[in-house]
C-alpha cells in the first residue's frame, strides 16, 4: 500500500496547488482614472454615470459636468473605462490637463489651452532652455538665485 499512498499524496498536492492558483488570480491595482467627456445635460451625465458605475471593479464615480470630467476610482483598466464611456455615444479622452502650478512654464504655446478648466493647463513635455545658451548665461549672470553672480550690484 506504500505506492498507492504516495500516489494519492502526490495527486492531492497537485489538486491543492491548482485550487490555490485559481483563487489567487492577479488583481488590478486600485487606481483613479480621469476622463474628459463633453456633457450637455442631466441625461448625458446620468447615462455616463450609469455606464461607468456598472463596470466590474468601479468603486466610486464622480461626474463634474462644469469641468467635463469623470473620475472613476477602483480596480479598473483606464482603457476599458474610456471604451465604456465612448460606448454611450460621447466623445471622450483621458484627462489631458494638470494643475498649472505643477508645470515649469504653464503659458508655453503647447501647454496653454483656452478650453482648459480654470487652474489647469495641458500636460505636455516641457522644453527647458539650454543652460549653456548665451542668452541664458546672460540672464542668469545677474540673477539673485545664482550664487556666483556679479556682486557689484
Protein backbone atom coordinates (compact mmCIF):
# COMPACT_ATOMS: atom_id res chain seq x y z
CA UNK A 1 0.00 0.00 0.00
CA UNK A 2 3.02 2.29 0.15
CA UNK A 3 2.90 3.04 -3.57
CA UNK A 4 -0.81 3.88 -3.52
CA UNK A 5 -0.35 6.21 -0.55
CA UNK A 6 2.46 8.11 -2.26
CA UNK A 7 0.45 8.43 -5.49
CA UNK A 8 -2.58 9.65 -3.53
CA UNK A 9 -0.44 12.23 -1.68
CA UNK A 10 1.08 13.43 -4.96
CA UNK A 11 -2.31 13.84 -6.63
CA UNK A 12 -3.85 15.62 -3.64
CA UNK A 13 -0.92 18.05 -3.57
CA UNK A 14 -1.42 18.68 -7.28
CA UNK A 15 -5.12 19.47 -6.83
CA UNK A 16 -4.45 21.75 -3.85
CA UNK A 17 -1.89 23.75 -5.86
CA UNK A 18 -4.32 24.06 -8.76
CA UNK A 19 -7.03 25.44 -6.45
CA UNK A 20 -4.63 27.98 -4.95
CA UNK A 21 -3.58 29.13 -8.43
CA UNK A 22 -7.21 29.68 -9.44
CA UNK A 23 -8.02 31.55 -6.23
CA UNK A 24 -5.02 33.85 -6.29
CA UNK A 25 -5.95 35.50 -9.56
CA UNK A 26 -3.94 38.68 -10.10
CA UNK A 27 -5.98 41.76 -9.19
CA UNK A 28 -5.62 45.11 -10.81
CA UNK A 29 -4.23 47.82 -8.56
CA UNK A 30 -6.60 50.39 -7.07
CA UNK A 31 -6.36 53.49 -9.23
CA UNK A 32 -8.11 56.68 -10.17
CA UNK A 33 -8.99 57.25 -13.83
CA UNK A 34 -9.88 60.75 -15.00
CA UNK A 35 -11.64 61.22 -18.34
CA UNK A 36 -12.67 64.33 -20.24
CA UNK A 37 -16.22 63.91 -21.58
CA UNK A 38 -18.37 66.59 -23.21
CA UNK A 39 -21.73 66.53 -21.38
CA UNK A 40 -24.51 68.99 -22.15
CA UNK A 41 -27.44 67.99 -19.95
CA UNK A 42 -28.53 65.89 -16.97
CA UNK A 43 -29.40 63.00 -19.29
CA UNK A 44 -25.85 62.86 -20.68
CA UNK A 45 -24.44 62.98 -17.17
CA UNK A 46 -26.78 60.20 -15.98
CA UNK A 47 -26.02 57.99 -18.99
CA UNK A 48 -22.24 58.28 -18.48
CA UNK A 49 -22.50 57.74 -14.72
CA UNK A 50 -24.69 54.67 -15.16
CA UNK A 51 -22.44 53.11 -17.80
CA UNK A 52 -19.29 53.52 -15.71
CA UNK A 53 -20.78 52.62 -12.33
CA UNK A 54 -22.00 49.28 -13.75
CA UNK A 55 -18.42 48.30 -14.61
CA UNK A 56 -16.83 45.49 -12.64
CA UNK A 57 -14.32 46.90 -10.14
CA UNK A 58 -15.58 50.50 -10.13
CA UNK A 59 -15.84 51.66 -6.51
CA UNK A 60 -16.82 55.31 -6.90
CA UNK A 61 -17.81 57.52 -9.81
CA UNK A 62 -17.75 61.32 -9.70
CA UNK A 63 -19.10 63.39 -12.59
CA UNK A 64 -18.28 67.10 -12.83
CA UNK A 65 -20.28 68.50 -15.74
CA UNK A 66 -18.87 72.01 -15.36
CA UNK A 67 -15.31 70.77 -15.96
CA UNK A 68 -16.45 67.98 -18.35
CA UNK A 69 -14.66 65.49 -16.13
CA UNK A 70 -15.49 61.95 -14.98
CA UNK A 71 -13.42 60.45 -12.16
CA UNK A 72 -13.59 56.69 -11.58
CA UNK A 73 -11.89 55.08 -8.60
CA UNK A 74 -11.50 51.34 -8.26
CA UNK A 75 -9.88 48.24 -9.67
CA UNK A 76 -10.40 49.24 -13.30
CA UNK A 77 -8.38 49.49 -16.50
CA UNK A 78 -8.21 53.07 -17.89
CA UNK A 79 -8.68 51.92 -21.49
CA UNK A 80 -11.76 49.87 -20.60
CA UNK A 81 -13.30 52.85 -18.78
CA UNK A 82 -12.59 55.04 -21.79
CA UNK A 83 -14.16 52.48 -24.12
CA UNK A 84 -17.24 52.20 -21.87
CA UNK A 85 -17.72 55.98 -21.85
CA UNK A 86 -17.35 56.12 -25.62
CA UNK A 87 -19.99 53.40 -25.95
CA UNK A 88 -22.55 55.93 -24.65
CA UNK A 89 -22.02 57.98 -27.82
CA UNK A 90 -19.95 60.72 -26.17
CA UNK A 91 -16.57 61.97 -27.30
CA UNK A 92 -14.10 61.11 -24.59
CA UNK A 93 -10.36 61.16 -23.93
CA UNK A 94 -8.14 60.59 -20.92
CA UNK A 95 -7.83 63.76 -18.82
CA UNK A 96 -5.16 65.81 -20.65
CA UNK A 97 -4.70 68.55 -18.05
CA UNK A 98 -2.57 69.13 -14.95
CA UNK A 99 -2.70 71.94 -12.43
CA UNK A 100 -0.81 74.96 -13.69
CA UNK A 101 1.39 75.22 -10.59
CA UNK A 102 2.88 71.75 -11.33
CA UNK A 103 4.31 72.88 -14.68
CA UNK A 104 7.57 74.81 -15.09
CA UNK A 105 6.29 77.04 -17.91
CA UNK A 106 2.46 76.99 -17.85
CA UNK A 107 1.95 79.60 -20.59
CA UNK A 108 4.09 77.98 -23.29
CA UNK A 109 2.24 77.74 -26.60
CA UNK A 110 1.69 73.99 -26.38
CA UNK A 111 0.68 73.93 -22.71
CA UNK A 112 -1.75 76.84 -22.56
CA UNK A 113 -5.23 75.82 -23.67
CA UNK A 114 -8.16 78.24 -23.71
CA UNK A 115 -10.62 75.36 -23.35
CA UNK A 116 -8.95 74.01 -20.20
CA UNK A 117 -10.80 74.45 -16.90
CA UNK A 118 -9.55 77.31 -14.76
CA UNK A 119 -6.34 76.46 -12.92
CA UNK A 120 -5.36 73.74 -15.42
CA UNK A 121 -3.02 73.60 -18.42
CA UNK A 122 -2.41 70.85 -20.96
CA UNK A 123 0.02 68.14 -19.86
CA UNK A 124 2.86 68.43 -22.40
CA UNK A 125 6.58 67.75 -22.27
CA UNK A 126 8.23 70.99 -21.26
CA UNK A 127 11.22 72.14 -23.29
CA UNK A 128 13.59 73.65 -20.76
CA UNK A 129 16.04 76.25 -22.02
CA UNK A 130 19.61 75.09 -22.59
CA UNK A 131 21.66 76.33 -19.60
CA UNK A 132 24.72 76.78 -21.85
CA UNK A 133 22.94 79.03 -24.36
CA UNK A 134 24.48 82.54 -24.50
CA UNK A 135 21.19 84.37 -23.80
CA UNK A 136 20.52 82.10 -20.81
CA UNK A 137 24.01 82.74 -19.42
CA UNK A 138 23.44 86.49 -19.64
CA UNK A 139 20.10 86.35 -17.85
CA UNK A 140 21.46 84.20 -15.02
CA UNK A 141 24.65 86.25 -14.69
CA UNK A 142 22.87 88.93 -12.66
CA UNK A 143 20.22 86.70 -11.08
CA UNK A 144 19.69 86.71 -7.31
CA UNK A 145 19.35 82.93 -7.44
CA UNK A 146 22.86 82.49 -8.86
CA UNK A 147 25.42 82.18 -6.01
CA UNK A 148 28.27 83.10 -8.39
CA UNK A 149 26.54 86.19 -9.72
CA UNK A 150 28.18 89.56 -10.01
CA UNK A 151 28.47 91.08 -6.56
CA UNK A 152 28.83 94.68 -7.81
CA UNK A 153 25.11 95.19 -7.78
